[in-house]
């Protein structure tokens, strides 16, 4: 899911507003939620490191995953360093999943599909085939208790 997080600073009130928007349709973002923080507390927590920042950032209604919270910490640090009033961070959770290239490399080492699909008729003897076909596969239905059956 693609998301946008907007940091806005109100210097007069000493507040930081973090708004969360999510992509509803391709290219269309809807505002989901916003949280307000004391700007100085956020700056002090950011100076202490990501764990302190994440502890203050997370709230009942905004509880990002650790990977997302780290990205928010990095974005906040660069935002404060630049000295702007508004900053938008794009986030796509697909980036947190392992790369497909690594999985494809592992799959190449496996046995090729053609080798698996080839059959060797010598593997099964007639006795093996008769044993497989010996059982009757016809389903047999018996209704022992019809008390809960509907007609």
N, C-alpha and C. Protein backbone atom coordinates (compact mmCIF):
# COMPACT_ATOMS: atom_id res chain seq x y z
N UNK A 1 0.85 -1.17 0.00
CA UNK A 1 0.00 0.00 0.00
C UNK A 1 0.89 1.24 0.00
N UNK A 2 0.57 2.14 -0.87
CA UNK A 2 1.32 3.38 -0.93
C UNK A 2 0.72 4.38 0.04
N UNK A 3 1.61 5.07 0.73
CA UNK A 3 1.18 6.06 1.71
C UNK A 3 2.01 7.32 1.57
N UNK A 4 1.46 8.40 2.06
CA UNK A 4 2.18 9.68 2.14
C UNK A 4 2.06 10.17 3.57
N UNK A 5 3.18 10.61 4.09
CA UNK A 5 3.22 11.19 5.43
C UNK A 5 3.70 12.63 5.28
N UNK A 6 2.94 13.55 5.84
CA UNK A 6 3.26 14.97 5.72
C UNK A 6 3.59 15.53 7.09
N UNK A 7 4.80 16.07 7.19
CA UNK A 7 5.23 16.76 8.41
C UNK A 7 4.99 18.24 8.20
N UNK A 8 4.29 18.88 9.14
CA UNK A 8 4.07 20.32 9.09
C UNK A 8 4.42 20.92 10.45
N UNK A 9 5.18 21.99 10.42
CA UNK A 9 5.59 22.66 11.66
C UNK A 9 4.84 23.98 11.78
N UNK A 10 4.28 24.19 12.96
CA UNK A 10 3.66 25.47 13.31
C UNK A 10 4.55 26.08 14.39
N UNK A 11 5.45 26.97 13.98
CA UNK A 11 6.42 27.59 14.90
C UNK A 11 5.73 28.41 16.00
N UNK A 12 4.64 29.08 15.66
CA UNK A 12 3.95 29.93 16.65
C UNK A 12 3.42 29.11 17.81
N UNK A 13 2.86 27.94 17.50
CA UNK A 13 2.30 27.09 18.55
C UNK A 13 3.31 26.07 19.07
N UNK A 14 4.43 25.92 18.35
CA UNK A 14 5.44 24.94 18.75
C UNK A 14 4.94 23.50 18.57
N UNK A 15 4.17 23.29 17.51
CA UNK A 15 3.56 21.98 17.26
C UNK A 15 4.05 21.39 15.94
N UNK A 16 4.12 20.09 15.93
CA UNK A 16 4.42 19.33 14.72
C UNK A 16 3.19 18.49 14.41
N UNK A 17 2.70 18.57 13.19
CA UNK A 17 1.56 17.77 12.77
C UNK A 17 2.05 16.74 11.76
N UNK A 18 1.71 15.48 12.01
CA UNK A 18 2.05 14.39 11.11
C UNK A 18 0.74 13.86 10.54
N UNK A 19 0.56 14.00 9.22
CA UNK A 19 -0.66 13.54 8.55
C UNK A 19 -0.35 12.28 7.76
N UNK A 20 -1.28 11.33 7.79
CA UNK A 20 -1.13 10.08 7.04
C UNK A 20 -2.20 10.02 5.96
N UNK A 21 -1.77 9.75 4.73
CA UNK A 21 -2.68 9.57 3.60
C UNK A 21 -2.36 8.24 2.94
N UNK A 22 -3.39 7.58 2.42
CA UNK A 22 -3.20 6.29 1.75
C UNK A 22 -3.79 6.36 0.35
N UNK A 23 -3.23 5.56 -0.54
CA UNK A 23 -3.68 5.54 -1.93
C UNK A 23 -4.96 4.72 -2.04
N UNK A 24 -6.05 5.38 -2.43
CA UNK A 24 -7.33 4.69 -2.61
C UNK A 24 -7.42 4.13 -4.03
N UNK A 25 -7.08 4.92 -5.00
CA UNK A 25 -6.98 4.53 -6.40
C UNK A 25 -5.61 4.98 -6.87
N UNK A 26 -5.10 4.40 -7.95
CA UNK A 26 -3.78 4.84 -8.42
C UNK A 26 -3.73 6.36 -8.61
N UNK A 27 -2.84 6.98 -7.87
CA UNK A 27 -2.64 8.42 -7.96
C UNK A 27 -3.58 9.24 -7.10
N UNK A 28 -4.53 8.61 -6.43
CA UNK A 28 -5.49 9.33 -5.59
C UNK A 28 -5.26 8.95 -4.13
N UNK A 29 -4.91 9.94 -3.33
CA UNK A 29 -4.63 9.71 -1.92
C UNK A 29 -5.72 10.33 -1.06
N UNK A 30 -6.14 9.58 -0.06
CA UNK A 30 -7.13 10.07 0.90
C UNK A 30 -6.46 10.27 2.25
N UNK A 31 -6.78 11.38 2.88
CA UNK A 31 -6.22 11.66 4.20
C UNK A 31 -6.90 10.75 5.22
N UNK A 32 -6.10 9.99 5.95
CA UNK A 32 -6.63 9.04 6.91
C UNK A 32 -6.65 9.58 8.33
N UNK A 33 -5.54 10.18 8.71
CA UNK A 33 -5.38 10.52 10.12
C UNK A 33 -4.26 11.55 10.27
N UNK A 34 -4.32 12.29 11.37
CA UNK A 34 -3.19 13.16 11.70
C UNK A 34 -3.01 13.16 13.21
N UNK A 35 -1.77 13.38 13.61
CA UNK A 35 -1.41 13.48 15.04
C UNK A 35 -0.62 14.75 15.23
N UNK A 36 -0.79 15.37 16.38
CA UNK A 36 -0.02 16.56 16.73
C UNK A 36 0.93 16.23 17.87
N UNK A 37 2.13 16.79 17.77
CA UNK A 37 3.18 16.56 18.76
C UNK A 37 3.77 17.90 19.18
N UNK A 38 4.39 17.91 20.34
CA UNK A 38 5.15 19.09 20.77
C UNK A 38 6.47 19.05 20.01
N UNK A 39 6.75 20.10 19.28
CA UNK A 39 7.90 20.14 18.38
C UNK A 39 9.22 19.92 19.13
N UNK A 40 9.41 20.59 20.24
CA UNK A 40 10.67 20.46 20.98
C UNK A 40 10.88 19.04 21.51
N UNK A 41 9.80 18.38 21.96
CA UNK A 41 9.91 17.00 22.43
C UNK A 41 10.36 16.07 21.30
N UNK A 42 9.82 16.31 20.11
CA UNK A 42 10.19 15.48 18.95
C UNK A 42 11.65 15.70 18.56
N UNK A 43 12.09 16.95 18.61
CA UNK A 43 13.48 17.24 18.28
C UNK A 43 14.43 16.61 19.29
N UNK A 44 14.09 16.69 20.57
CA UNK A 44 14.93 16.08 21.62
C UNK A 44 14.98 14.56 21.47
N UNK A 45 13.83 13.96 21.17
CA UNK A 45 13.77 12.51 21.00
C UNK A 45 14.57 12.09 19.76
N UNK A 46 14.50 12.87 18.70
CA UNK A 46 15.25 12.55 17.49
C UNK A 46 16.75 12.64 17.74
N UNK A 47 17.15 13.57 18.59
CA UNK A 47 18.57 13.71 18.92
C UNK A 47 19.07 12.50 19.71
N UNK A 48 18.18 11.86 20.49
CA UNK A 48 18.57 10.68 21.29
C UNK A 48 18.67 9.42 20.45
N UNK A 49 18.03 9.40 19.30
CA UNK A 49 18.10 8.22 18.44
C UNK A 49 16.74 7.72 18.02
N UNK A 50 16.73 6.72 17.14
CA UNK A 50 15.45 6.25 16.59
C UNK A 50 14.51 5.64 17.62
N UNK A 51 15.03 4.92 18.59
CA UNK A 51 14.15 4.28 19.56
C UNK A 51 13.38 5.30 20.40
N UNK A 52 14.05 6.35 20.84
CA UNK A 52 13.38 7.39 21.62
C UNK A 52 12.35 8.13 20.76
N UNK A 53 12.71 8.37 19.50
CA UNK A 53 11.80 9.05 18.58
C UNK A 53 10.56 8.19 18.33
N UNK A 54 10.75 6.91 18.09
CA UNK A 54 9.64 6.01 17.80
C UNK A 54 8.72 5.87 19.01
N UNK A 55 9.30 5.88 20.20
CA UNK A 55 8.49 5.78 21.42
C UNK A 55 7.52 6.95 21.54
N UNK A 56 7.98 8.15 21.19
CA UNK A 56 7.10 9.32 21.25
C UNK A 56 6.16 9.36 20.05
N UNK A 57 6.62 8.91 18.90
CA UNK A 57 5.83 8.94 17.67
C UNK A 57 4.60 8.04 17.76
N UNK A 58 4.78 6.85 18.30
CA UNK A 58 3.69 5.88 18.34
C UNK A 58 2.62 6.29 19.35
N UNK A 59 1.40 6.22 18.88
CA UNK A 59 0.24 6.52 19.72
C UNK A 59 -0.85 5.50 19.44
N UNK A 60 -1.93 5.61 20.17
CA UNK A 60 -3.02 4.66 20.02
C UNK A 60 -3.55 4.62 18.58
N UNK A 61 -3.70 5.78 17.96
CA UNK A 61 -4.27 5.85 16.61
C UNK A 61 -3.23 5.90 15.50
N UNK A 62 -1.97 6.01 15.84
CA UNK A 62 -0.90 6.00 14.84
C UNK A 62 0.23 5.14 15.40
N UNK A 63 0.27 3.90 14.97
CA UNK A 63 1.25 2.96 15.48
C UNK A 63 1.93 2.28 14.28
N UNK A 64 2.90 2.98 13.67
CA UNK A 64 3.53 2.42 12.46
C UNK A 64 4.44 1.24 12.81
N UNK A 65 4.66 0.38 11.82
CA UNK A 65 5.60 -0.72 12.00
C UNK A 65 6.99 -0.14 12.24
N UNK A 66 7.89 -0.97 12.73
CA UNK A 66 9.22 -0.46 13.05
C UNK A 66 9.94 0.04 11.79
N UNK A 67 9.77 -0.69 10.68
CA UNK A 67 10.42 -0.27 9.43
C UNK A 67 9.91 1.10 8.99
N UNK A 68 8.61 1.30 9.07
CA UNK A 68 8.04 2.60 8.71
C UNK A 68 8.45 3.67 9.70
N UNK A 69 8.46 3.35 10.98
CA UNK A 69 8.85 4.32 12.00
C UNK A 69 10.30 4.77 11.81
N UNK A 70 11.17 3.86 11.41
CA UNK A 70 12.56 4.24 11.13
C UNK A 70 12.62 5.22 9.95
N UNK A 71 11.83 4.96 8.92
CA UNK A 71 11.81 5.87 7.77
C UNK A 71 11.28 7.24 8.18
N UNK A 72 10.27 7.25 9.04
CA UNK A 72 9.76 8.53 9.54
C UNK A 72 10.81 9.26 10.36
N UNK A 73 11.59 8.53 11.14
CA UNK A 73 12.68 9.12 11.91
C UNK A 73 13.71 9.77 10.98
N UNK A 74 14.10 9.04 9.94
CA UNK A 74 15.08 9.58 8.98
C UNK A 74 14.51 10.81 8.26
N UNK A 75 13.24 10.73 7.86
CA UNK A 75 12.62 11.86 7.17
C UNK A 75 12.52 13.07 8.08
N UNK A 76 12.16 12.85 9.33
CA UNK A 76 12.06 13.96 10.27
C UNK A 76 13.43 14.61 10.48
N UNK A 77 14.47 13.80 10.59
CA UNK A 77 15.82 14.34 10.75
C UNK A 77 16.24 15.22 9.59
N UNK A 78 15.99 14.76 8.37
CA UNK A 78 16.36 15.57 7.20
C UNK A 78 15.45 16.80 7.08
N UNK A 79 14.19 16.66 7.46
CA UNK A 79 13.25 17.77 7.42
C UNK A 79 13.68 18.88 8.38
N UNK A 80 14.04 18.52 9.60
CA UNK A 80 14.47 19.51 10.59
C UNK A 80 15.80 20.14 10.16
N UNK A 81 16.69 19.33 9.60
CA UNK A 81 17.99 19.85 9.15
C UNK A 81 17.82 20.87 8.03
N UNK A 82 16.84 20.64 7.14
CA UNK A 82 16.61 21.56 6.02
C UNK A 82 15.91 22.84 6.47
N UNK A 83 15.19 22.77 7.58
CA UNK A 83 14.55 23.95 8.13
C UNK A 83 13.28 24.38 7.42
N UNK A 84 12.60 23.48 6.77
CA UNK A 84 11.35 23.84 6.09
C UNK A 84 10.17 23.83 7.02
N UNK A 85 9.01 24.19 6.46
CA UNK A 85 7.78 24.19 7.24
C UNK A 85 6.91 22.99 6.90
N UNK A 86 7.13 22.39 5.74
CA UNK A 86 6.31 21.26 5.32
C UNK A 86 7.18 20.27 4.54
N UNK A 87 6.96 18.98 4.80
CA UNK A 87 7.74 17.94 4.14
C UNK A 87 6.84 16.73 3.91
N UNK A 88 6.88 16.15 2.72
CA UNK A 88 6.07 14.99 2.39
C UNK A 88 6.99 13.80 2.13
N UNK A 89 6.71 12.70 2.81
CA UNK A 89 7.48 11.47 2.63
C UNK A 89 6.57 10.42 2.00
N UNK A 90 7.00 9.85 0.89
CA UNK A 90 6.27 8.77 0.25
C UNK A 90 6.76 7.44 0.82
N UNK A 91 5.83 6.51 1.01
CA UNK A 91 6.18 5.20 1.55
C UNK A 91 5.36 4.14 0.84
N UNK A 92 6.03 3.10 0.41
CA UNK A 92 5.36 1.96 -0.22
C UNK A 92 5.80 0.72 0.54
N UNK A 93 4.86 0.02 1.16
CA UNK A 93 5.23 -1.11 2.01
C UNK A 93 5.81 -2.28 1.23
N UNK A 94 5.70 -2.27 -0.09
CA UNK A 94 6.31 -3.34 -0.89
C UNK A 94 7.84 -3.29 -0.77
N UNK A 95 8.36 -2.11 -0.43
CA UNK A 95 9.82 -1.97 -0.28
C UNK A 95 10.35 -2.73 0.92
N UNK A 96 9.50 -3.04 1.88
CA UNK A 96 9.96 -3.75 3.07
C UNK A 96 10.02 -5.26 2.87
N UNK A 97 9.41 -5.76 1.78
CA UNK A 97 9.45 -7.19 1.51
C UNK A 97 10.78 -7.56 0.88
N UNK A 98 11.22 -8.83 1.04
CA UNK A 98 12.47 -9.25 0.41
C UNK A 98 12.36 -9.11 -1.11
N UNK A 99 13.47 -8.87 -1.71
CA UNK A 99 13.51 -8.67 -3.16
C UNK A 99 13.15 -9.95 -3.90
N UNK A 100 12.42 -9.81 -4.99
CA UNK A 100 12.05 -10.96 -5.80
C UNK A 100 13.27 -11.53 -6.54
N UNK A 101 14.26 -10.70 -6.80
CA UNK A 101 15.46 -11.17 -7.49
C UNK A 101 16.18 -12.23 -6.67
N UNK A 102 16.20 -12.08 -5.35
CA UNK A 102 16.84 -13.07 -4.49
C UNK A 102 16.10 -14.40 -4.58
N UNK A 103 14.78 -14.36 -4.59
CA UNK A 103 13.99 -15.58 -4.67
C UNK A 103 14.18 -16.26 -6.01
N UNK A 104 14.25 -15.48 -7.09
CA UNK A 104 14.44 -16.06 -8.41
C UNK A 104 15.80 -16.73 -8.51
N UNK A 105 16.82 -16.16 -7.88
CA UNK A 105 18.14 -16.76 -7.90
C UNK A 105 18.13 -18.11 -7.20
N UNK A 106 17.38 -18.21 -6.09
CA UNK A 106 17.28 -19.48 -5.38
C UNK A 106 16.52 -20.50 -6.20
N UNK A 107 15.50 -20.08 -6.95
CA UNK A 107 14.71 -21.00 -7.76
C UNK A 107 15.53 -21.58 -8.91
N UNK A 108 16.49 -20.83 -9.45
CA UNK A 108 17.30 -21.32 -10.55
C UNK A 108 18.13 -22.52 -10.15
N UNK A 109 18.46 -22.62 -8.88
CA UNK A 109 19.28 -23.73 -8.41
C UNK A 109 18.48 -25.02 -8.28
N UNK A 110 17.15 -24.92 -8.25
CA UNK A 110 16.31 -26.09 -8.12
C UNK A 110 16.32 -26.90 -9.41
N UNK A 111 15.77 -28.10 -9.30
CA UNK A 111 15.68 -28.98 -10.45
C UNK A 111 14.76 -28.35 -11.48
N UNK A 112 15.12 -28.49 -12.74
CA UNK A 112 14.31 -27.90 -13.78
C UNK A 112 12.96 -28.60 -13.88
N UNK A 113 11.96 -27.88 -14.28
CA UNK A 113 10.61 -28.40 -14.38
C UNK A 113 10.51 -29.55 -15.37
N UNK A 114 11.24 -29.46 -16.48
CA UNK A 114 11.18 -30.53 -17.48
C UNK A 114 11.64 -31.86 -16.90
N UNK A 115 12.63 -31.82 -16.04
CA UNK A 115 13.11 -33.06 -15.43
C UNK A 115 12.05 -33.67 -14.52
N UNK A 116 11.26 -32.83 -13.86
CA UNK A 116 10.22 -33.33 -12.98
C UNK A 116 9.04 -33.91 -13.76
N UNK A 117 8.78 -33.36 -14.94
CA UNK A 117 7.63 -33.79 -15.71
C UNK A 117 7.88 -35.04 -16.55
N UNK A 118 9.11 -35.36 -16.78
CA UNK A 118 9.38 -36.57 -17.57
C UNK A 118 9.03 -37.79 -16.73
N UNK A 119 8.39 -38.76 -17.38
CA UNK A 119 8.01 -39.98 -16.68
C UNK A 119 8.86 -41.13 -17.19
N UNK A 120 9.15 -41.98 -16.29
CA UNK A 120 9.91 -43.18 -16.65
C UNK A 120 8.99 -44.36 -16.38
N UNK A 121 8.54 -44.99 -17.46
CA UNK A 121 7.58 -46.09 -17.33
C UNK A 121 8.16 -47.28 -16.60
N UNK A 122 9.45 -47.36 -16.52
CA UNK A 122 10.08 -48.48 -15.82
C UNK A 122 9.97 -48.35 -14.31
N UNK A 123 9.60 -47.15 -13.83
CA UNK A 123 9.49 -46.94 -12.39
C UNK A 123 8.34 -47.74 -11.78
N UNK A 124 7.26 -47.93 -12.54
CA UNK A 124 6.10 -48.64 -12.02
C UNK A 124 5.95 -50.00 -12.71
N UNK A 125 5.81 -51.01 -11.92
CA UNK A 125 5.57 -52.34 -12.49
C UNK A 125 4.06 -52.55 -12.57
N UNK A 126 3.64 -53.63 -13.24
CA UNK A 126 2.21 -53.91 -13.35
C UNK A 126 1.62 -54.19 -11.98
N UNK A 127 2.40 -54.81 -11.11
CA UNK A 127 1.90 -55.09 -9.76
C UNK A 127 1.62 -53.79 -9.00
N UNK A 128 2.50 -52.80 -9.19
CA UNK A 128 2.27 -51.51 -8.54
C UNK A 128 1.00 -50.86 -9.04
N UNK A 129 0.77 -50.93 -10.32
CA UNK A 129 -0.43 -50.32 -10.91
C UNK A 129 -1.68 -51.04 -10.42
N UNK A 130 -1.64 -52.38 -10.36
CA UNK A 130 -2.79 -53.13 -9.89
C UNK A 130 -3.09 -52.80 -8.43
N UNK A 131 -2.04 -52.61 -7.64
CA UNK A 131 -2.24 -52.28 -6.24
C UNK A 131 -2.89 -50.91 -6.09
N UNK A 132 -2.50 -49.98 -6.90
CA UNK A 132 -3.09 -48.64 -6.86
C UNK A 132 -4.56 -48.70 -7.27
N UNK A 133 -4.86 -49.49 -8.31
CA UNK A 133 -6.23 -49.56 -8.82
C UNK A 133 -7.10 -50.56 -8.08
N UNK A 134 -6.59 -51.26 -7.10
CA UNK A 134 -7.36 -52.31 -6.44
C UNK A 134 -8.50 -51.78 -5.60
N UNK A 135 -8.37 -50.61 -5.05
CA UNK A 135 -9.42 -50.08 -4.19
C UNK A 135 -10.49 -49.39 -5.01
N UNK A 136 -11.71 -49.52 -4.53
CA UNK A 136 -12.83 -48.88 -5.19
C UNK A 136 -12.91 -47.43 -4.71
N UNK A 137 -12.81 -46.49 -5.65
CA UNK A 137 -12.81 -45.07 -5.31
C UNK A 137 -14.19 -44.45 -5.33
N UNK A 138 -15.22 -45.24 -5.55
CA UNK A 138 -16.57 -44.71 -5.63
C UNK A 138 -17.00 -44.23 -4.25
N UNK A 139 -17.47 -42.99 -4.15
CA UNK A 139 -17.91 -42.50 -2.84
C UNK A 139 -19.19 -43.20 -2.41
N UNK A 140 -19.25 -43.55 -1.17
CA UNK A 140 -20.42 -44.20 -0.61
C UNK A 140 -21.01 -43.26 0.45
N UNK A 141 -22.27 -42.91 0.24
CA UNK A 141 -22.92 -41.99 1.16
C UNK A 141 -24.00 -42.73 1.93
N UNK A 142 -23.96 -42.55 3.22
CA UNK A 142 -25.01 -43.09 4.08
C UNK A 142 -25.39 -42.00 5.06
N UNK A 143 -26.66 -41.79 5.17
CA UNK A 143 -27.12 -40.80 6.13
C UNK A 143 -27.56 -41.56 7.37
N UNK A 144 -26.77 -41.44 8.42
CA UNK A 144 -27.07 -42.13 9.67
C UNK A 144 -28.00 -41.31 10.55
N UNK A 145 -27.76 -40.03 10.55
CA UNK A 145 -28.55 -39.16 11.40
C UNK A 145 -29.09 -38.02 10.56
N UNK A 146 -30.35 -38.00 10.32
CA UNK A 146 -30.94 -36.94 9.48
C UNK A 146 -31.67 -35.89 10.30
N UNK A 147 -31.39 -35.82 11.57
CA UNK A 147 -32.11 -34.89 12.44
C UNK A 147 -31.82 -33.43 12.11
N UNK A 148 -30.64 -33.14 11.58
CA UNK A 148 -30.29 -31.76 11.28
C UNK A 148 -30.30 -31.47 9.80
N UNK A 149 -30.72 -32.43 9.01
CA UNK A 149 -30.75 -32.22 7.57
C UNK A 149 -32.00 -31.46 7.17
N UNK A 150 -31.84 -30.59 6.23
CA UNK A 150 -32.99 -29.86 5.72
C UNK A 150 -33.41 -30.48 4.41
N UNK A 151 -34.71 -30.54 4.18
CA UNK A 151 -35.24 -31.11 2.93
C UNK A 151 -35.54 -30.03 1.95
